[in-house]
Amino acid sequence: ELPPSEFMQVADSTWLVLSVVSNGREPSGCQATGVTKIARSVIAPLAEHHVSVLMLSTYQTDFILVRERDLPVVIHTLNGEFDIYREESGECVRVTCDDVSNGFLKPKPAASPTLHPVQSPQTRFCVLTVAPDTLPAIATMLIDVLFYSHSPSWDAAAGSQDLDSITFFSFSLIEGYISIVMDADTQKRFPSDLLLTSSTGELWRMVRIGGQPLGFDECGIVAQIAEPLAAADISAYYISTFNFDHALVPEEGIAEVIQLLQQRQESSR
C-alpha cells in the first residue's frame, strides 16, 4: 500500500517467516534464550547450505526470515530434525520434502563467511513489551522517539570503531504482540507502569556486527555470532537490519562475549 518513492528502497526478494516451536515443552534446567536456542539446530545448518537468513528476536519469541526462493533448501535441510508446517487459512498443514521437490537443487557447499568486525558500545538496553490496550497512552511518545528524537550518526554509519554509545530503537508488532528494544535513558521517558519487562528487570549490552552495510546476500553472519554464544550457554537477542546486525547479551556477560568473539577472530586468521 506504500506509494512508490525515490526515498524508499525495497529488496527484490520476498521473504517468509519461520518460527520455531517446542510443542509446549519447557526446557529443563537453565538454558540460553533467544537466538542461541536455535543456533545449532536451525541457523548453523542453513548457513552450511548457503541460505541467507534475517533474524528478528522479540520479547515473546524469535523469528527467522528466509527468501521464498530458498524454501526448498530450507525444508530439505531442516526436515530431518523438525516437523514443518505451513499456515493455510489459519490452519497448520504438514509439509514434507515431496511438497517442494520440484525445482530443488542440492546447494553447493557454502564458502567461508566473511569475518565482520564487531563493536560493543557502552549503551545499556532494555527488552520490553506493552499491553496493546495501553499503546494509545504512549503513542505520542513512541512516535517522537521513532521519528524525531534522533539524528543519524554519520560517523557511526561510516564504521567508526570507537563508539561510546549507539542510537538503537526497535518496535515490533506481530500478531498483536508488541516488543520494544530501547536504551535505558530512553526508557525513563515512558511511564514505568506501562512498560513490562522480565521479573529480573535485567539490562542488556549490544554487540554490533559489520563495518559497512551487510545487505541481504551473504550467509553465515548470524551463525558466526550465535554459535560461540550457544556453546558458552549465553543468552542473546538478535536483530538483523540492512546496515548492521545486532546481538543483545546480558550486561554481566558482555566481557565474556567480547572475549569469545575476539578468540573467534584470532582463530580465523
C-alpha atoms as a PDB file:
ATOM      1  CA  GLU A   1       0.000   0.000   0.000  1.00  0.00           C
ATOM      2  CA  LEU A   2       3.007   2.313   0.271  1.00  0.00           C
ATOM      3  CA  PRO A   3       3.231   4.634  -2.739  1.00  0.00           C
ATOM      4  CA  PRO A   4       6.336   4.413  -4.951  1.00  0.00           C
ATOM      5  CA  SER A   5       9.015   6.794  -3.761  1.00  0.00           C
ATOM      6  CA  GLU A   6      12.601   7.668  -4.537  1.00  0.00           C
ATOM      7  CA  PHE A   7      13.233   7.661  -0.789  1.00  0.00           C
ATOM      8  CA  MET A   8      12.336   4.015  -0.208  1.00  0.00           C
ATOM      9  CA  GLN A   9      14.442   1.078  -1.370  1.00  0.00           C
ATOM     10  CA  VAL A  10      12.846  -2.369  -1.497  1.00  0.00           C
ATOM     11  CA  ALA A  11      14.818  -5.599  -1.766  1.00  0.00           C
ATOM     12  CA  ASP A  12      13.935  -7.743  -4.763  1.00  0.00           C
ATOM     13  CA  SER A  13      13.341 -10.917  -2.778  1.00  0.00           C
ATOM     14  CA  THR A  14      10.171 -11.909  -0.975  1.00  0.00           C
ATOM     15  CA  TRP A  15      10.856 -13.313   2.496  1.00  0.00           C
ATOM     16  CA  LEU A  16       8.994 -15.936   4.508  1.00  0.00           C
ATOM     17  CA  VAL A  17       8.885 -16.126   8.292  1.00  0.00           C
ATOM     18  CA  LEU A  18       9.862 -19.255  10.207  1.00  0.00           C
ATOM     19  CA  SER A  19       9.009 -19.586  13.885  1.00  0.00           C
ATOM     20  CA  VAL A  20      10.446 -22.467  15.918  1.00  0.00           C
ATOM     21  CA  VAL A  21       8.001 -24.012  18.387  1.00  0.00           C
ATOM     22  CA  SER A  22       8.908 -26.611  21.020  1.00  0.00           C
ATOM     23  CA  ASN A  23       5.439 -28.214  21.186  1.00  0.00           C
ATOM     24  CA  GLY A  24       4.807 -26.574  24.519  1.00  0.00           C
ATOM     25  CA  ARG A  25       7.607 -28.400  26.316  1.00  0.00           C
ATOM     26  CA  GLU A  26       9.659 -26.183  28.586  1.00  0.00           C
ATOM     27  CA  PRO A  27      13.413 -26.807  28.544  1.00  0.00           C
ATOM     28  CA  SER A  28      14.737 -28.338  31.704  1.00  0.00           C
ATOM     29  CA  GLY A  29      17.282 -26.500  33.811  1.00  0.00           C
ATOM     30  CA  CYS A  30      18.928 -23.206  32.927  1.00  0.00           C
ATOM     31  CA  GLN A  31      19.119 -22.708  29.203  1.00  0.00           C
ATOM     32  CA  ALA A  32      20.134 -19.840  26.991  1.00  0.00           C
ATOM     33  CA  THR A  33      17.310 -17.842  25.484  1.00  0.00           C
ATOM     34  CA  GLY A  34      16.903 -16.033  22.220  1.00  0.00           C
ATOM     35  CA  VAL A  35      18.943 -16.786  19.127  1.00  0.00           C
ATOM     36  CA  THR A  36      21.260 -19.217  20.927  1.00  0.00           C
ATOM     37  CA  LYS A  37      18.406 -21.697  21.430  1.00  0.00           C
ATOM     38  CA  ILE A  38      18.262 -22.327  17.705  1.00  0.00           C
ATOM     39  CA  ALA A  39      21.888 -21.696  16.750  1.00  0.00           C
ATOM     40  CA  ARG A  40      22.902 -25.344  16.273  1.00  0.00           C
ATOM     41  CA  SER A  41      19.609 -26.778  15.080  1.00  0.00           C
ATOM     42  CA  VAL A  42      18.490 -24.120  12.582  1.00  0.00           C
ATOM     43  CA  ILE A  43      20.918 -21.271  11.963  1.00  0.00           C
ATOM     44  CA  ALA A  44      24.123 -23.266  11.526  1.00  0.00           C
ATOM     45  CA  PRO A  45      22.607 -25.885   9.142  1.00  0.00           C
ATOM     46  CA  LEU A  46      21.068 -23.158   6.972  1.00  0.00           C
ATOM     47  CA  ALA A  47      24.396 -21.331   6.812  1.00  0.00           C
ATOM     48  CA  GLU A  48      26.126 -24.559   5.774  1.00  0.00           C
ATOM     49  CA  HIS A  49      23.623 -24.852   2.897  1.00  0.00           C
ATOM     50  CA  HIS A  50      24.242 -21.267   1.789  1.00  0.00           C
ATOM     51  CA  VAL A  51      20.857 -19.938   2.914  1.00  0.00           C
ATOM     52  CA  SER A  52      20.866 -16.274   3.899  1.00  0.00           C
ATOM     53  CA  VAL A  53      18.679 -15.501   6.923  1.00  0.00           C
ATOM     54  CA  LEU A  54      17.427 -12.405   8.685  1.00  0.00           C
ATOM     55  CA  MET A  55      16.937 -12.751  12.432  1.00  0.00           C
ATOM     56  CA  LEU A  56      14.309 -10.959  14.491  1.00  0.00           C
ATOM     57  CA  SER A  57      14.249 -11.635  18.227  1.00  0.00           C
ATOM     58  CA  THR A  58      11.294 -10.195  20.133  1.00  0.00           C
ATOM     59  CA  TYR A  59      10.181 -10.105  23.768  1.00  0.00           C
ATOM     60  CA  GLN A  60       7.897 -13.078  23.091  1.00  0.00           C
ATOM     61  CA  THR A  61       9.820 -15.304  20.673  1.00  0.00           C
ATOM     62  CA  ASP A  62      12.300 -15.476  17.776  1.00  0.00           C
ATOM     63  CA  PHE A  63      11.634 -15.360  14.052  1.00  0.00           C
ATOM     64  CA  ILE A  64      13.876 -16.379  11.157  1.00  0.00           C
ATOM     65  CA  LEU A  65      13.223 -14.856   7.734  1.00  0.00           C
ATOM     66  CA  VAL A  66      14.335 -16.766   4.635  1.00  0.00           C
ATOM     67  CA  ARG A  67      13.946 -15.946   0.962  1.00  0.00           C
ATOM     68  CA  GLU A  68      10.934 -17.578  -0.642  1.00  0.00           C
ATOM     69  CA  ARG A  69      13.144 -18.982  -3.408  1.00  0.00           C
ATOM     70  CA  ASP A  70      15.242 -20.787  -0.759  1.00  0.00           C
ATOM     71  CA  LEU A  71      12.256 -22.613   0.740  1.00  0.00           C
ATOM     72  CA  PRO A  72      13.031 -25.998  -0.908  1.00  0.00           C
ATOM     73  CA  VAL A  73      16.565 -25.909   0.507  1.00  0.00           C
ATOM     74  CA  VAL A  74      15.285 -24.826   3.913  1.00  0.00           C
ATOM     75  CA  ILE A  75      12.790 -27.691   4.117  1.00  0.00           C
ATOM     76  CA  HIS A  76      15.285 -30.306   2.916  1.00  0.00           C
ATOM     77  CA  THR A  77      17.815 -29.000   5.436  1.00  0.00           C
ATOM     78  CA  LEU A  78      15.535 -28.909   8.478  1.00  0.00           C
ATOM     79  CA  ASN A  79      13.147 -31.770   7.728  1.00  0.00           C
ATOM     80  CA  GLY A  80      15.317 -34.351   9.495  1.00  0.00           C
ATOM     81  CA  GLU A  81      15.112 -32.622  12.871  1.00  0.00           C
ATOM     82  CA  PHE A  82      11.834 -30.689  12.720  1.00  0.00           C
ATOM     83  CA  ASP A  83       8.210 -31.253  11.830  1.00  0.00           C
ATOM     84  CA  ILE A  84       7.488 -28.432   9.407  1.00  0.00           C
ATOM     85  CA  TYR A  85       4.073 -26.828   8.929  1.00  0.00           C
ATOM     86  CA  ARG A  86       2.725 -24.021   6.802  1.00  0.00           C
ATOM     87  CA  GLU A  87      -0.292 -21.893   7.584  1.00  0.00           C
ATOM     88  CA  GLU A  88      -3.267 -22.174   5.256  1.00  0.00           C
ATOM     89  CA  SER A  89      -6.405 -20.190   6.135  1.00  0.00           C
ATOM     90  CA  GLY A  90      -5.399 -20.175   9.782  1.00  0.00           C
ATOM     91  CA  GLU A  91      -4.747 -23.929   9.877  1.00  0.00           C
ATOM     92  CA  CYS A  92      -1.364 -25.654  10.165  1.00  0.00           C
ATOM     93  CA  VAL A  93      -0.683 -28.131   7.354  1.00  0.00           C
ATOM     94  CA  ARG A  94       2.251 -30.560   7.493  1.00  0.00           C
ATOM     95  CA  VAL A  95       4.934 -30.024   4.844  1.00  0.00           C
ATOM     96  CA  THR A  96       7.145 -32.812   3.537  1.00  0.00           C
ATOM     97  CA  CYS A  97      10.138 -32.827   1.225  1.00  0.00           C
ATOM     98  CA  ASP A  98       7.908 -34.193  -1.526  1.00  0.00           C
ATOM     99  CA  ASP A  99       5.851 -30.991  -1.462  1.00  0.00           C
ATOM    100  CA  VAL A 100       8.846 -28.917  -2.535  1.00  0.00           C
ATOM    101  CA  SER A 101      10.910 -31.422  -4.506  1.00  0.00           C
ATOM    102  CA  ASN A 102      10.020 -29.761  -7.805  1.00  0.00           C
ATOM    103  CA  GLY A 103      12.846 -27.429  -8.664  1.00  0.00           C
ATOM    104  CA  PHE A 104      15.000 -28.457  -5.697  1.00  0.00           C
ATOM    105  CA  LEU A 105      18.705 -28.297  -6.404  1.00  0.00           C
ATOM    106  CA  LYS A 106      21.225 -29.598  -3.915  1.00  0.00           C
ATOM    107  CA  PRO A 107      23.130 -26.492  -2.817  1.00  0.00           C
ATOM    108  CA  LYS A 108      26.824 -26.156  -3.246  1.00  0.00           C
ATOM    109  CA  PRO A 109      28.899 -26.043  -0.043  1.00  0.00           C
ATOM    110  CA  ALA A 110      28.935 -22.541   1.354  1.00  0.00           C
ATOM    111  CA  ALA A 111      32.145 -20.581   1.182  1.00  0.00           C
ATOM    112  CA  SER A 112      33.662 -19.444   4.461  1.00  0.00           C
ATOM    113  CA  PRO A 113      31.717 -16.356   5.531  1.00  0.00           C
ATOM    114  CA  THR A 114      33.426 -13.012   5.800  1.00  0.00           C
ATOM    115  CA  LEU A 115      34.505 -12.325   9.365  1.00  0.00           C
ATOM    116  CA  HIS A 116      32.887  -8.983  10.102  1.00  0.00           C
ATOM    117  CA  PRO A 117      34.180  -6.604  12.785  1.00  0.00           C
ATOM    118  CA  VAL A 118      32.196  -6.249  15.983  1.00  0.00           C
ATOM    119  CA  GLN A 119      31.737  -3.252  18.260  1.00  0.00           C
ATOM    120  CA  SER A 120      30.366  -3.038  21.775  1.00  0.00           C
ATOM    121  CA  PRO A 121      29.131   0.430  22.745  1.00  0.00           C
ATOM    122  CA  GLN A 122      28.632   1.323  26.410  1.00  0.00           C
ATOM    123  CA  THR A 123      24.884   1.891  25.942  1.00  0.00           C
ATOM    124  CA  ARG A 124      22.632  -0.241  28.171  1.00  0.00           C
ATOM    125  CA  PHE A 125      19.406  -1.579  26.659  1.00  0.00           C
ATOM    126  CA  CYS A 126      16.046  -2.883  27.868  1.00  0.00           C
ATOM    127  CA  VAL A 127      13.890  -5.530  26.190  1.00  0.00           C
ATOM    128  CA  LEU A 128      10.253  -4.692  26.906  1.00  0.00           C
ATOM    129  CA  THR A 129       6.656  -5.309  25.955  1.00  0.00           C
ATOM    130  CA  VAL A 130       3.469  -3.316  26.371  1.00  0.00           C
ATOM    131  CA  ALA A 131      -0.160  -4.412  26.510  1.00  0.00           C
ATOM    132  CA  PRO A 132      -1.893  -3.481  23.229  1.00  0.00           C
ATOM    133  CA  ASP A 133      -4.751  -1.712  25.028  1.00  0.00           C
ATOM    134  CA  THR A 134      -2.286   0.662  26.723  1.00  0.00           C
ATOM    135  CA  LEU A 135      -0.488   1.553  23.483  1.00  0.00           C
ATOM    136  CA  PRO A 136      -2.548   4.747  22.887  1.00  0.00           C
ATOM    137  CA  ALA A 137      -1.235   6.137  26.193  1.00  0.00           C
ATOM    138  CA  ILE A 138       2.349   6.108  24.877  1.00  0.00           C
ATOM    139  CA  ALA A 139       1.643   6.603  21.161  1.00  0.00           C
ATOM    140  CA  THR A 140       2.784  10.246  21.039  1.00  0.00           C
ATOM    141  CA  MET A 141       5.991   9.462  22.927  1.00  0.00           C
ATOM    142  CA  LEU A 142       6.584   6.414  20.719  1.00  0.00           C
ATOM    143  CA  ILE A 143       6.255   8.436  17.513  1.00  0.00           C
ATOM    144  CA  ASP A 144       8.603  11.086  18.867  1.00  0.00           C
ATOM    145  CA  VAL A 145      11.280   8.535  19.747  1.00  0.00           C
ATOM    146  CA  LEU A 146      10.870   6.603  16.498  1.00  0.00           C
ATOM    147  CA  PHE A 147      10.993   9.523  14.086  1.00  0.00           C
ATOM    148  CA  TYR A 148      12.016  12.811  15.669  1.00  0.00           C
ATOM    149  CA  SER A 149      14.318  12.421  18.678  1.00  0.00           C
ATOM    150  CA  HIS A 150      17.490  11.218  16.990  1.00  0.00           C
ATOM    151  CA  SER A 151      19.550  12.439  14.085  1.00  0.00           C
ATOM    152  CA  PRO A 152      21.738   9.974  12.159  1.00  0.00           C
ATOM    153  CA  SER A 153      25.229   9.420  13.475  1.00  0.00           C
ATOM    154  CA  TRP A 154      27.238   9.739  10.280  1.00  0.00           C
ATOM    155  CA  ASP A 155      30.500   8.768  11.953  1.00  0.00           C
ATOM    156  CA  ALA A 156      28.894   5.589  13.248  1.00  0.00           C
ATOM    157  CA  ALA A 157      27.348   4.865   9.852  1.00  0.00           C
ATOM    158  CA  ALA A 158      30.768   5.157   8.292  1.00  0.00           C
ATOM    159  CA  GLY A 159      32.041   2.390  10.561  1.00  0.00           C
ATOM    160  CA  SER A 160      33.682   4.278  13.417  1.00  0.00           C
ATOM    161  CA  GLN A 161      35.482   1.820  15.669  1.00  0.00           C
ATOM    162  CA  ASP A 162      35.311   3.998  18.789  1.00  0.00           C
ATOM    163  CA  LEU A 163      31.639   4.097  19.739  1.00  0.00           C
ATOM    164  CA  ASP A 164      30.834   5.057  23.319  1.00  0.00           C
ATOM    165  CA  SER A 165      27.117   4.941  22.636  1.00  0.00           C
ATOM    166  CA  ILE A 166      24.737   3.946  19.872  1.00  0.00           C
ATOM    167  CA  THR A 167      21.251   5.050  18.847  1.00  0.00           C
ATOM    168  CA  PHE A 168      19.024   1.980  18.561  1.00  0.00           C
ATOM    169  CA  PHE A 169      15.259   1.628  18.962  1.00  0.00           C
ATOM    170  CA  SER A 170      13.267  -1.368  17.749  1.00  0.00           C
ATOM    171  CA  PHE A 171       9.467  -1.660  17.715  1.00  0.00           C
ATOM    172  CA  SER A 172       7.748  -4.853  16.547  1.00  0.00           C
ATOM    173  CA  LEU A 173       4.017  -5.544  16.297  1.00  0.00           C
ATOM    174  CA  ILE A 174       3.480  -9.209  15.443  1.00  0.00           C
ATOM    175  CA  GLU A 175       0.034 -10.805  15.690  1.00  0.00           C
ATOM    176  CA  GLY A 176      -0.987  -8.306  18.319  1.00  0.00           C
ATOM    177  CA  TYR A 177       2.109  -8.788  20.483  1.00  0.00           C
ATOM    178  CA  ILE A 178       4.329  -5.746  20.933  1.00  0.00           C
ATOM    179  CA  SER A 179       8.073  -5.932  21.521  1.00  0.00           C
ATOM    180  CA  ILE A 180      10.334  -2.940  22.130  1.00  0.00           C
ATOM    181  CA  VAL A 181      14.090  -2.600  22.499  1.00  0.00           C
ATOM    182  CA  MET A 182      15.307   0.776  23.756  1.00  0.00           C
ATOM    183  CA  ASP A 183      18.235   2.189  25.668  1.00  0.00           C
ATOM    184  CA  ALA A 184      17.877   2.696  29.425  1.00  0.00           C
ATOM    185  CA  ASP A 185      17.864   6.502  29.154  1.00  0.00           C
ATOM    186  CA  THR A 186      15.015   6.474  26.621  1.00  0.00           C
ATOM    187  CA  GLN A 187      13.030   4.122  28.857  1.00  0.00           C
ATOM    188  CA  LYS A 188      12.932   6.835  31.532  1.00  0.00           C
ATOM    189  CA  ARG A 189      10.820   8.993  29.189  1.00  0.00           C
ATOM    190  CA  PHE A 190       7.966   6.458  29.238  1.00  0.00           C
ATOM    191  CA  PRO A 191       5.502   5.743  32.081  1.00  0.00           C
ATOM    192  CA  SER A 192       7.157   2.968  34.069  1.00  0.00           C
ATOM    193  CA  ASP A 193       3.857   1.251  34.869  1.00  0.00           C
ATOM    194  CA  LEU A 194       3.041   0.632  31.188  1.00  0.00           C
ATOM    195  CA  LEU A 195       6.310  -0.973  30.041  1.00  0.00           C
ATOM    196  CA  LEU A 196       6.644  -4.597  31.071  1.00  0.00           C
ATOM    197  CA  THR A 197       9.913  -6.474  31.311  1.00  0.00           C
ATOM    198  CA  SER A 198      11.086  -9.730  32.855  1.00  0.00           C
ATOM    199  CA  SER A 199      10.843 -10.117  36.622  1.00  0.00           C
ATOM    200  CA  THR A 200      14.604  -9.657  36.919  1.00  0.00           C
ATOM    201  CA  GLY A 201      14.492  -6.369  35.014  1.00  0.00           C
ATOM    202  CA  GLU A 202      17.908  -7.138  33.568  1.00  0.00           C
ATOM    203  CA  LEU A 203      19.775  -4.756  31.300  1.00  0.00           C
ATOM    204  CA  TRP A 204      21.462  -5.779  28.057  1.00  0.00           C
ATOM    205  CA  ARG A 205      24.570  -4.699  26.187  1.00  0.00           C
ATOM    206  CA  MET A 206      24.909  -4.736  22.426  1.00  0.00           C
ATOM    207  CA  VAL A 207      27.399  -6.272  20.064  1.00  0.00           C
ATOM    208  CA  ARG A 208      27.052  -4.647  16.644  1.00  0.00           C
ATOM    209  CA  ILE A 209      28.278  -6.692  13.680  1.00  0.00           C
ATOM    210  CA  GLY A 210      29.586  -5.113  10.475  1.00  0.00           C
ATOM    211  CA  GLY A 211      31.835  -2.275   9.415  1.00  0.00           C
ATOM    212  CA  GLN A 212      29.805  -1.400   6.315  1.00  0.00           C
ATOM    213  CA  PRO A 213      26.267  -2.253   5.143  1.00  0.00           C
ATOM    214  CA  LEU A 214      25.853  -6.036   5.212  1.00  0.00           C
ATOM    215  CA  GLY A 215      22.959  -6.266   2.776  1.00  0.00           C
ATOM    216  CA  PHE A 216      20.955  -9.487   2.467  1.00  0.00           C
ATOM    217  CA  ASP A 217      23.008 -11.722   0.189  1.00  0.00           C
ATOM    218  CA  GLU A 218      25.715 -13.046   2.479  1.00  0.00           C
ATOM    219  CA  CYS A 219      25.029 -16.152   4.553  1.00  0.00           C
ATOM    220  CA  GLY A 220      26.579 -17.223   7.857  1.00  0.00           C
ATOM    221  CA  ILE A 221      26.630 -13.823   9.592  1.00  0.00           C
ATOM    222  CA  VAL A 222      24.153 -14.847  12.293  1.00  0.00           C
ATOM    223  CA  ALA A 223      25.785 -18.262  12.695  1.00  0.00           C
ATOM    224  CA  GLN A 224      29.270 -16.902  13.320  1.00  0.00           C
ATOM    225  CA  ILE A 225      27.929 -14.921  16.304  1.00  0.00           C
ATOM    226  CA  ALA A 226      25.242 -17.279  17.592  1.00  0.00           C
ATOM    227  CA  GLU A 227      27.296 -20.491  17.630  1.00  0.00           C
ATOM    228  CA  PRO A 228      30.053 -19.300  20.024  1.00  0.00           C
ATOM    229  CA  LEU A 229      27.411 -17.851  22.345  1.00  0.00           C
ATOM    230  CA  ALA A 230      25.387 -21.052  22.245  1.00  0.00           C
ATOM    231  CA  ALA A 231      28.486 -23.113  23.064  1.00  0.00           C
ATOM    232  CA  ALA A 232      29.030 -20.903  26.131  1.00  0.00           C
ATOM    233  CA  ASP A 233      25.299 -21.043  27.053  1.00  0.00           C
ATOM    234  CA  ILE A 234      24.956 -17.258  26.843  1.00  0.00           C
ATOM    235  CA  SER A 235      21.518 -15.785  26.199  1.00  0.00           C
ATOM    236  CA  ALA A 236      21.175 -13.397  23.279  1.00  0.00           C
ATOM    237  CA  TYR A 237      18.563 -11.488  21.340  1.00  0.00           C
ATOM    238  CA  TYR A 238      19.455 -10.873  17.710  1.00  0.00           C
ATOM    239  CA  ILE A 239      18.053  -8.286  15.294  1.00  0.00           C
ATOM    240  CA  SER A 240      19.171  -8.150  11.654  1.00  0.00           C
ATOM    241  CA  THR A 241      18.972  -4.940   9.646  1.00  0.00           C
ATOM    242  CA  PHE A 242      20.213  -3.933   6.199  1.00  0.00           C
ATOM    243  CA  ASN A 243      23.196  -1.994   7.548  1.00  0.00           C
ATOM    244  CA  PHE A 244      24.253  -3.954  10.629  1.00  0.00           C
ATOM    245  CA  ASP A 245      23.328  -6.955  12.746  1.00  0.00           C
ATOM    246  CA  HIS A 246      22.811  -6.506  16.479  1.00  0.00           C
ATOM    247  CA  ALA A 247      23.177  -9.068  19.282  1.00  0.00           C
ATOM    248  CA  LEU A 248      21.951  -8.136  22.749  1.00  0.00           C
ATOM    249  CA  VAL A 249      23.526 -10.056  25.638  1.00  0.00           C
ATOM    250  CA  PRO A 250      23.062  -9.755  29.428  1.00  0.00           C
ATOM    251  CA  GLU A 251      25.090  -6.861  30.785  1.00  0.00           C
ATOM    252  CA  GLU A 252      27.000  -9.020  33.252  1.00  0.00           C
ATOM    253  CA  GLY A 253      28.183 -11.293  30.431  1.00  0.00           C
ATOM    254  CA  ILE A 254      29.493  -8.689  27.982  1.00  0.00           C
ATOM    255  CA  ALA A 255      33.165  -9.187  28.919  1.00  0.00           C
ATOM    256  CA  GLU A 256      32.924 -12.941  28.262  1.00  0.00           C
ATOM    257  CA  VAL A 257      31.121 -12.329  24.967  1.00  0.00           C
ATOM    258  CA  ILE A 258      33.797  -9.912  23.733  1.00  0.00           C
ATOM    259  CA  GLN A 259      36.489 -12.428  24.709  1.00  0.00           C
ATOM    260  CA  LEU A 260      34.703 -15.230  22.830  1.00  0.00           C
ATOM    261  CA  LEU A 261      34.341 -13.149  19.689  1.00  0.00           C
ATOM    262  CA  GLN A 262      37.957 -11.992  19.853  1.00  0.00           C
ATOM    263  CA  GLN A 263      39.052 -15.625  20.063  1.00  0.00           C
ATOM    264  CA  ARG A 264      36.858 -16.391  17.043  1.00  0.00           C
ATOM    265  CA  GLN A 265      38.547 -13.597  15.105  1.00  0.00           C
ATOM    266  CA  GLU A 266      42.048 -14.700  16.075  1.00  0.00           C
ATOM    267  CA  SER A 267      41.392 -18.364  15.259  1.00  0.00           C
ATOM    268  CA  SER A 268      40.234 -17.474  11.753  1.00  0.00           C
ATOM    269  CA  ARG A 269      43.452 -15.724  10.820  1.00  0.00           C
END
